[in-house]
């Protein structure tokens, strides 16, 4: 029912590209951040293509992440809480589900996987290299990147003080079991000290 409400509340998720020169300051990964924006998802359910659009908020405090998914009009669809070894989704109707894996839990509850483990780095413009070290992605990097079984492309960037932060990121996962594409547009980004 909640997913149907979300699908009925579709709105355009446009993304503006930055045309002004971006600052060239060094980006630092922050374990505590708050950001908000828009999310667009395309996936297959029961062999049929599905899509939805909405808003999201992301609050990250170390290893704990709280995500709220909203309709385009701002009504809460689901609240997701992730801590080491535990993932929890509470839907707007009050139904609560818990599991050890957030990817598995979102796929079972929402119909599509949310790559939270990668997003904690990708949203700030970082990737993990083959040794697990964080590597900063630069705005002039237009190639498709790979991480955690996903293809990523940083489409546009925005200025945050003296550094460039991601504005729009496109993600795609294509396996024998499912096709899934996500677009994240970050409208508000705030690092916490």
C-alpha atoms as a PDB file:
ATOM      1  CA  UNK A   1       0.000   0.000   0.000  1.00  0.00           C
ATOM      2  CA  UNK A   2       2.764   2.436   0.955  1.00  0.00           C
ATOM      3  CA  UNK A   3       4.644   1.693  -2.235  1.00  0.00           C
ATOM      4  CA  UNK A   4       1.503   2.398  -4.253  1.00  0.00           C
ATOM      5  CA  UNK A   5       1.065   5.747  -2.518  1.00  0.00           C
ATOM      6  CA  UNK A   6       4.671   6.527  -3.312  1.00  0.00           C
ATOM      7  CA  UNK A   7       4.166   5.556  -6.951  1.00  0.00           C
ATOM      8  CA  UNK A   8       1.045   7.707  -7.185  1.00  0.00           C
ATOM      9  CA  UNK A   9       2.930  10.727  -5.855  1.00  0.00           C
ATOM     10  CA  UNK A  10       5.342  10.935  -8.792  1.00  0.00           C
ATOM     11  CA  UNK A  11       6.973  14.242  -9.597  1.00  0.00           C
ATOM     12  CA  UNK A  12       9.729  15.343 -11.891  1.00  0.00           C
ATOM     13  CA  UNK A  13      13.207  14.985 -10.415  1.00  0.00           C
ATOM     14  CA  UNK A  14      15.220  17.428 -12.466  1.00  0.00           C
ATOM     15  CA  UNK A  15      18.846  18.056 -11.748  1.00  0.00           C
ATOM     16  CA  UNK A  16      20.654  21.288 -12.331  1.00  0.00           C
ATOM     17  CA  UNK A  17      24.220  21.175 -13.434  1.00  0.00           C
ATOM     18  CA  UNK A  18      26.747  23.623 -12.119  1.00  0.00           C
ATOM     19  CA  UNK A  19      28.090  25.943 -14.794  1.00  0.00           C
ATOM     20  CA  UNK A  20      30.181  28.183 -12.544  1.00  0.00           C
ATOM     21  CA  UNK A  21      33.772  27.161 -11.820  1.00  0.00           C
ATOM     22  CA  UNK A  22      33.894  24.808  -8.859  1.00  0.00           C
ATOM     23  CA  UNK A  23      36.292  25.374  -5.966  1.00  0.00           C
ATOM     24  CA  UNK A  24      39.367  23.179  -5.906  1.00  0.00           C
ATOM     25  CA  UNK A  25      39.833  22.760  -2.143  1.00  0.00           C
ATOM     26  CA  UNK A  26      40.626  19.337  -0.730  1.00  0.00           C
ATOM     27  CA  UNK A  27      37.565  17.346   0.230  1.00  0.00           C
ATOM     28  CA  UNK A  28      37.661  15.587   3.612  1.00  0.00           C
ATOM     29  CA  UNK A  29      35.520  12.573   4.422  1.00  0.00           C
ATOM     30  CA  UNK A  30      33.276  13.279   7.400  1.00  0.00           C
ATOM     31  CA  UNK A  31      31.790  10.499   9.482  1.00  0.00           C
ATOM     32  CA  UNK A  32      28.993  12.846  10.650  1.00  0.00           C
ATOM     33  CA  UNK A  33      26.886  14.508   7.939  1.00  0.00           C
ATOM     34  CA  UNK A  34      23.342  15.638   7.195  1.00  0.00           C
ATOM     35  CA  UNK A  35      21.990  15.979   3.698  1.00  0.00           C
ATOM     36  CA  UNK A  36      18.740  15.978   1.858  1.00  0.00           C
ATOM     37  CA  UNK A  37      17.570  15.787  -1.689  1.00  0.00           C
ATOM     38  CA  UNK A  38      15.577  13.895  -4.262  1.00  0.00           C
ATOM     39  CA  UNK A  39      15.606  10.248  -5.256  1.00  0.00           C
ATOM     40  CA  UNK A  40      14.420   8.567  -8.427  1.00  0.00           C
ATOM     41  CA  UNK A  41      14.274   4.772  -8.718  1.00  0.00           C
ATOM     42  CA  UNK A  42      13.587   2.492 -11.698  1.00  0.00           C
ATOM     43  CA  UNK A  43      13.340  -1.256 -11.102  1.00  0.00           C
ATOM     44  CA  UNK A  44      11.502  -4.425 -12.090  1.00  0.00           C
ATOM     45  CA  UNK A  45       8.884  -5.998  -9.826  1.00  0.00           C
ATOM     46  CA  UNK A  46       7.095  -9.214 -10.793  1.00  0.00           C
ATOM     47  CA  UNK A  47       8.670  -8.893 -14.243  1.00  0.00           C
ATOM     48  CA  UNK A  48       7.170  -5.432 -14.850  1.00  0.00           C
ATOM     49  CA  UNK A  49       9.042  -2.110 -14.924  1.00  0.00           C
ATOM     50  CA  UNK A  50       8.324   0.162 -11.965  1.00  0.00           C
ATOM     51  CA  UNK A  51       9.530   3.650 -11.105  1.00  0.00           C
ATOM     52  CA  UNK A  52       9.105   6.110  -8.291  1.00  0.00           C
ATOM     53  CA  UNK A  53      10.361   9.496  -7.247  1.00  0.00           C
ATOM     54  CA  UNK A  54      10.460  11.307  -3.968  1.00  0.00           C
ATOM     55  CA  UNK A  55      12.604  13.060  -1.410  1.00  0.00           C
ATOM     56  CA  UNK A  56      15.020  11.778   1.198  1.00  0.00           C
ATOM     57  CA  UNK A  57      16.949  12.931   4.233  1.00  0.00           C
ATOM     58  CA  UNK A  58      20.204  11.304   5.380  1.00  0.00           C
ATOM     59  CA  UNK A  59      21.725  11.726   8.849  1.00  0.00           C
ATOM     60  CA  UNK A  60      25.001   9.917   9.440  1.00  0.00           C
ATOM     61  CA  UNK A  61      26.696   9.785  12.843  1.00  0.00           C
ATOM     62  CA  UNK A  62      29.684   7.456  12.616  1.00  0.00           C
ATOM     63  CA  UNK A  63      28.408   3.935  11.925  1.00  0.00           C
ATOM     64  CA  UNK A  64      24.780   4.907  12.518  1.00  0.00           C
ATOM     65  CA  UNK A  65      22.659   6.168   9.632  1.00  0.00           C
ATOM     66  CA  UNK A  66      19.061   7.374   9.677  1.00  0.00           C
ATOM     67  CA  UNK A  67      17.265   7.782   6.354  1.00  0.00           C
ATOM     68  CA  UNK A  68      13.780   9.098   5.770  1.00  0.00           C
ATOM     69  CA  UNK A  69      12.043   8.466   2.426  1.00  0.00           C
ATOM     70  CA  UNK A  70       9.269  10.905   1.539  1.00  0.00           C
ATOM     71  CA  UNK A  71       6.751  11.431  -1.216  1.00  0.00           C
ATOM     72  CA  UNK A  72       7.373  14.441  -3.476  1.00  0.00           C
ATOM     73  CA  UNK A  73       4.855  16.297  -1.283  1.00  0.00           C
ATOM     74  CA  UNK A  74       6.815  15.515   1.905  1.00  0.00           C
ATOM     75  CA  UNK A  75       4.749  12.697   3.449  1.00  0.00           C
ATOM     76  CA  UNK A  76       6.885  10.037   5.155  1.00  0.00           C
ATOM     77  CA  UNK A  77       6.934   6.681   3.378  1.00  0.00           C
ATOM     78  CA  UNK A  78       9.560   4.932   5.489  1.00  0.00           C
ATOM     79  CA  UNK A  79      12.178   5.566   8.144  1.00  0.00           C
ATOM     80  CA  UNK A  80      15.329   3.482   7.949  1.00  0.00           C
ATOM     81  CA  UNK A  81      17.795   3.090  10.828  1.00  0.00           C
ATOM     82  CA  UNK A  82      21.136   1.346  10.340  1.00  0.00           C
ATOM     83  CA  UNK A  83      23.639   0.460  13.049  1.00  0.00           C
ATOM     84  CA  UNK A  84      26.431  -2.151  12.952  1.00  0.00           C
ATOM     85  CA  UNK A  85      24.792  -5.565  12.467  1.00  0.00           C
ATOM     86  CA  UNK A  86      21.239  -4.174  12.502  1.00  0.00           C
ATOM     87  CA  UNK A  87      18.907  -2.597  10.004  1.00  0.00           C
ATOM     88  CA  UNK A  88      15.363  -1.440  10.687  1.00  0.00           C
ATOM     89  CA  UNK A  89      12.595  -0.062   8.471  1.00  0.00           C
ATOM     90  CA  UNK A  90       9.451   1.519   9.829  1.00  0.00           C
ATOM     91  CA  UNK A  91       6.799   2.214   7.220  1.00  0.00           C
ATOM     92  CA  UNK A  92       4.332   5.080   7.573  1.00  0.00           C
ATOM     93  CA  UNK A  93       1.561   2.665   8.565  1.00  0.00           C
ATOM     94  CA  UNK A  94       3.606   1.570  11.586  1.00  0.00           C
ATOM     95  CA  UNK A  95       4.847  -1.792  10.262  1.00  0.00           C
ATOM     96  CA  UNK A  96       8.417  -2.462  11.426  1.00  0.00           C
ATOM     97  CA  UNK A  97      10.874  -4.924   9.911  1.00  0.00           C
ATOM     98  CA  UNK A  98      14.397  -5.719  11.044  1.00  0.00           C
ATOM     99  CA  UNK A  99      17.306  -7.654   9.518  1.00  0.00           C
ATOM    100  CA  UNK A 100      21.097  -7.796   9.568  1.00  0.00           C
ATOM    101  CA  UNK A 101      21.428  -6.486   5.979  1.00  0.00           C
ATOM    102  CA  UNK A 102      19.916  -3.185   4.863  1.00  0.00           C
ATOM    103  CA  UNK A 103      20.195  -4.136   1.167  1.00  0.00           C
ATOM    104  CA  UNK A 104      18.140  -7.280   1.754  1.00  0.00           C
ATOM    105  CA  UNK A 105      15.679  -5.473   4.024  1.00  0.00           C
ATOM    106  CA  UNK A 106      14.976  -2.615   1.599  1.00  0.00           C
ATOM    107  CA  UNK A 107      14.587  -5.039  -1.287  1.00  0.00           C
ATOM    108  CA  UNK A 108      12.038  -7.094   0.675  1.00  0.00           C
ATOM    109  CA  UNK A 109      10.156  -4.071   2.019  1.00  0.00           C
ATOM    110  CA  UNK A 110      10.382  -1.493  -0.779  1.00  0.00           C
ATOM    111  CA  UNK A 111      10.960  -3.747  -3.778  1.00  0.00           C
ATOM    112  CA  UNK A 112      14.450  -2.348  -4.507  1.00  0.00           C
ATOM    113  CA  UNK A 113      17.828  -2.393  -2.746  1.00  0.00           C
ATOM    114  CA  UNK A 114      19.297   0.798  -1.286  1.00  0.00           C
ATOM    115  CA  UNK A 115      23.141   0.549  -1.296  1.00  0.00           C
ATOM    116  CA  UNK A 116      23.663   2.211   2.098  1.00  0.00           C
ATOM    117  CA  UNK A 117      27.143   0.760   2.680  1.00  0.00           C
ATOM    118  CA  UNK A 118      28.427   2.435  -0.471  1.00  0.00           C
ATOM    119  CA  UNK A 119      26.289   5.574  -0.187  1.00  0.00           C
ATOM    120  CA  UNK A 120      27.975   6.550   3.091  1.00  0.00           C
ATOM    121  CA  UNK A 121      31.064   7.286   0.961  1.00  0.00           C
ATOM    122  CA  UNK A 122      29.619   7.985  -2.501  1.00  0.00           C
ATOM    123  CA  UNK A 123      27.378  10.833  -1.300  1.00  0.00           C
ATOM    124  CA  UNK A 124      30.498  12.696  -0.159  1.00  0.00           C
ATOM    125  CA  UNK A 125      32.419  12.035  -3.394  1.00  0.00           C
ATOM    126  CA  UNK A 126      34.588   9.125  -2.253  1.00  0.00           C
ATOM    127  CA  UNK A 127      35.130   5.573  -3.498  1.00  0.00           C
ATOM    128  CA  UNK A 128      36.993   2.657  -1.930  1.00  0.00           C
ATOM    129  CA  UNK A 129      39.970   1.348  -3.880  1.00  0.00           C
ATOM    130  CA  UNK A 130      41.000  -2.325  -4.118  1.00  0.00           C
ATOM    131  CA  UNK A 131      42.678  -2.120  -0.702  1.00  0.00           C
ATOM    132  CA  UNK A 132      39.643  -0.560   0.968  1.00  0.00           C
ATOM    133  CA  UNK A 133      41.205   2.913   1.166  1.00  0.00           C
ATOM    134  CA  UNK A 134      39.052   5.991   0.483  1.00  0.00           C
ATOM    135  CA  UNK A 135      39.849   7.831  -2.731  1.00  0.00           C
ATOM    136  CA  UNK A 136      38.365  11.225  -3.550  1.00  0.00           C
ATOM    137  CA  UNK A 137      36.511  11.487  -6.878  1.00  0.00           C
ATOM    138  CA  UNK A 138      37.147  14.765  -8.695  1.00  0.00           C
ATOM    139  CA  UNK A 139      34.556  16.770 -10.664  1.00  0.00           C
ATOM    140  CA  UNK A 140      36.531  16.261 -13.886  1.00  0.00           C
ATOM    141  CA  UNK A 141      36.167  12.478 -13.556  1.00  0.00           C
ATOM    142  CA  UNK A 142      33.333  11.611 -15.936  1.00  0.00           C
ATOM    143  CA  UNK A 143      33.935   7.870 -16.313  1.00  0.00           C
ATOM    144  CA  UNK A 144      31.585   5.296 -14.871  1.00  0.00           C
ATOM    145  CA  UNK A 145      32.948   3.979 -11.581  1.00  0.00           C
ATOM    146  CA  UNK A 146      32.287   0.629  -9.916  1.00  0.00           C
ATOM    147  CA  UNK A 147      31.740  -0.135  -6.264  1.00  0.00           C
ATOM    148  CA  UNK A 148      29.963  -2.852  -4.263  1.00  0.00           C
ATOM    149  CA  UNK A 149      28.405  -4.345  -7.408  1.00  0.00           C
ATOM    150  CA  UNK A 150      27.078  -0.970  -8.614  1.00  0.00           C
ATOM    151  CA  UNK A 151      28.028   1.287 -11.529  1.00  0.00           C
ATOM    152  CA  UNK A 152      28.217   4.956 -10.502  1.00  0.00           C
ATOM    153  CA  UNK A 153      28.465   8.154 -12.448  1.00  0.00           C
ATOM    154  CA  UNK A 154      28.926  11.577 -10.870  1.00  0.00           C
ATOM    155  CA  UNK A 155      26.816  13.708 -13.207  1.00  0.00           C
ATOM    156  CA  UNK A 156      27.110  17.131 -11.561  1.00  0.00           C
ATOM    157  CA  UNK A 157      28.773  18.904  -8.643  1.00  0.00           C
ATOM    158  CA  UNK A 158      28.055  21.848  -6.345  1.00  0.00           C
ATOM    159  CA  UNK A 159      30.192  24.207  -4.301  1.00  0.00           C
ATOM    160  CA  UNK A 160      30.285  23.764  -0.534  1.00  0.00           C
ATOM    161  CA  UNK A 161      32.607  26.393   0.863  1.00  0.00           C
ATOM    162  CA  UNK A 162      35.980  25.857  -0.773  1.00  0.00           C
ATOM    163  CA  UNK A 163      35.305  22.291  -1.952  1.00  0.00           C
ATOM    164  CA  UNK A 164      33.228  20.655  -4.660  1.00  0.00           C
ATOM    165  CA  UNK A 165      30.604  18.197  -3.423  1.00  0.00           C
ATOM    166  CA  UNK A 166      28.405  15.856  -5.483  1.00  0.00           C
ATOM    167  CA  UNK A 167      25.109  17.288  -6.726  1.00  0.00           C
ATOM    168  CA  UNK A 168      23.764  14.389  -8.830  1.00  0.00           C
ATOM    169  CA  UNK A 169      24.890  10.763  -8.817  1.00  0.00           C
ATOM    170  CA  UNK A 170      23.426   8.012 -11.015  1.00  0.00           C
ATOM    171  CA  UNK A 171      23.684   4.375  -9.873  1.00  0.00           C
ATOM    172  CA  UNK A 172      22.911   1.170 -11.733  1.00  0.00           C
ATOM    173  CA  UNK A 173      22.915  -2.481 -10.772  1.00  0.00           C
ATOM    174  CA  UNK A 174      22.108  -5.061 -13.423  1.00  0.00           C
ATOM    175  CA  UNK A 175      22.125  -8.704 -12.397  1.00  0.00           C
ATOM    176  CA  UNK A 176      20.423 -11.822 -13.693  1.00  0.00           C
ATOM    177  CA  UNK A 177      17.795 -11.378 -10.961  1.00  0.00           C
ATOM    178  CA  UNK A 178      17.043  -7.664 -11.295  1.00  0.00           C
ATOM    179  CA  UNK A 179      17.652  -4.343 -12.995  1.00  0.00           C
ATOM    180  CA  UNK A 180      17.854  -1.311 -10.749  1.00  0.00           C
ATOM    181  CA  UNK A 181      18.725   2.320 -11.459  1.00  0.00           C
ATOM    182  CA  UNK A 182      18.822   5.128  -8.884  1.00  0.00           C
ATOM    183  CA  UNK A 183      19.365   8.839  -9.309  1.00  0.00           C
ATOM    184  CA  UNK A 184      20.247  10.920  -6.268  1.00  0.00           C
ATOM    185  CA  UNK A 185      20.164  14.719  -6.377  1.00  0.00           C
ATOM    186  CA  UNK A 186      21.560  16.396  -3.261  1.00  0.00           C
ATOM    187  CA  UNK A 187      19.814  19.700  -2.540  1.00  0.00           C
ATOM    188  CA  UNK A 188      21.141  20.331   0.989  1.00  0.00           C
ATOM    189  CA  UNK A 189      24.530  19.218   2.258  1.00  0.00           C
ATOM    190  CA  UNK A 190      25.831  19.999   5.702  1.00  0.00           C
ATOM    191  CA  UNK A 191      28.858  18.468   7.380  1.00  0.00           C
ATOM    192  CA  UNK A 192      28.755  18.197  11.141  1.00  0.00           C
ATOM    193  CA  UNK A 193      31.744  18.809  13.329  1.00  0.00           C
END
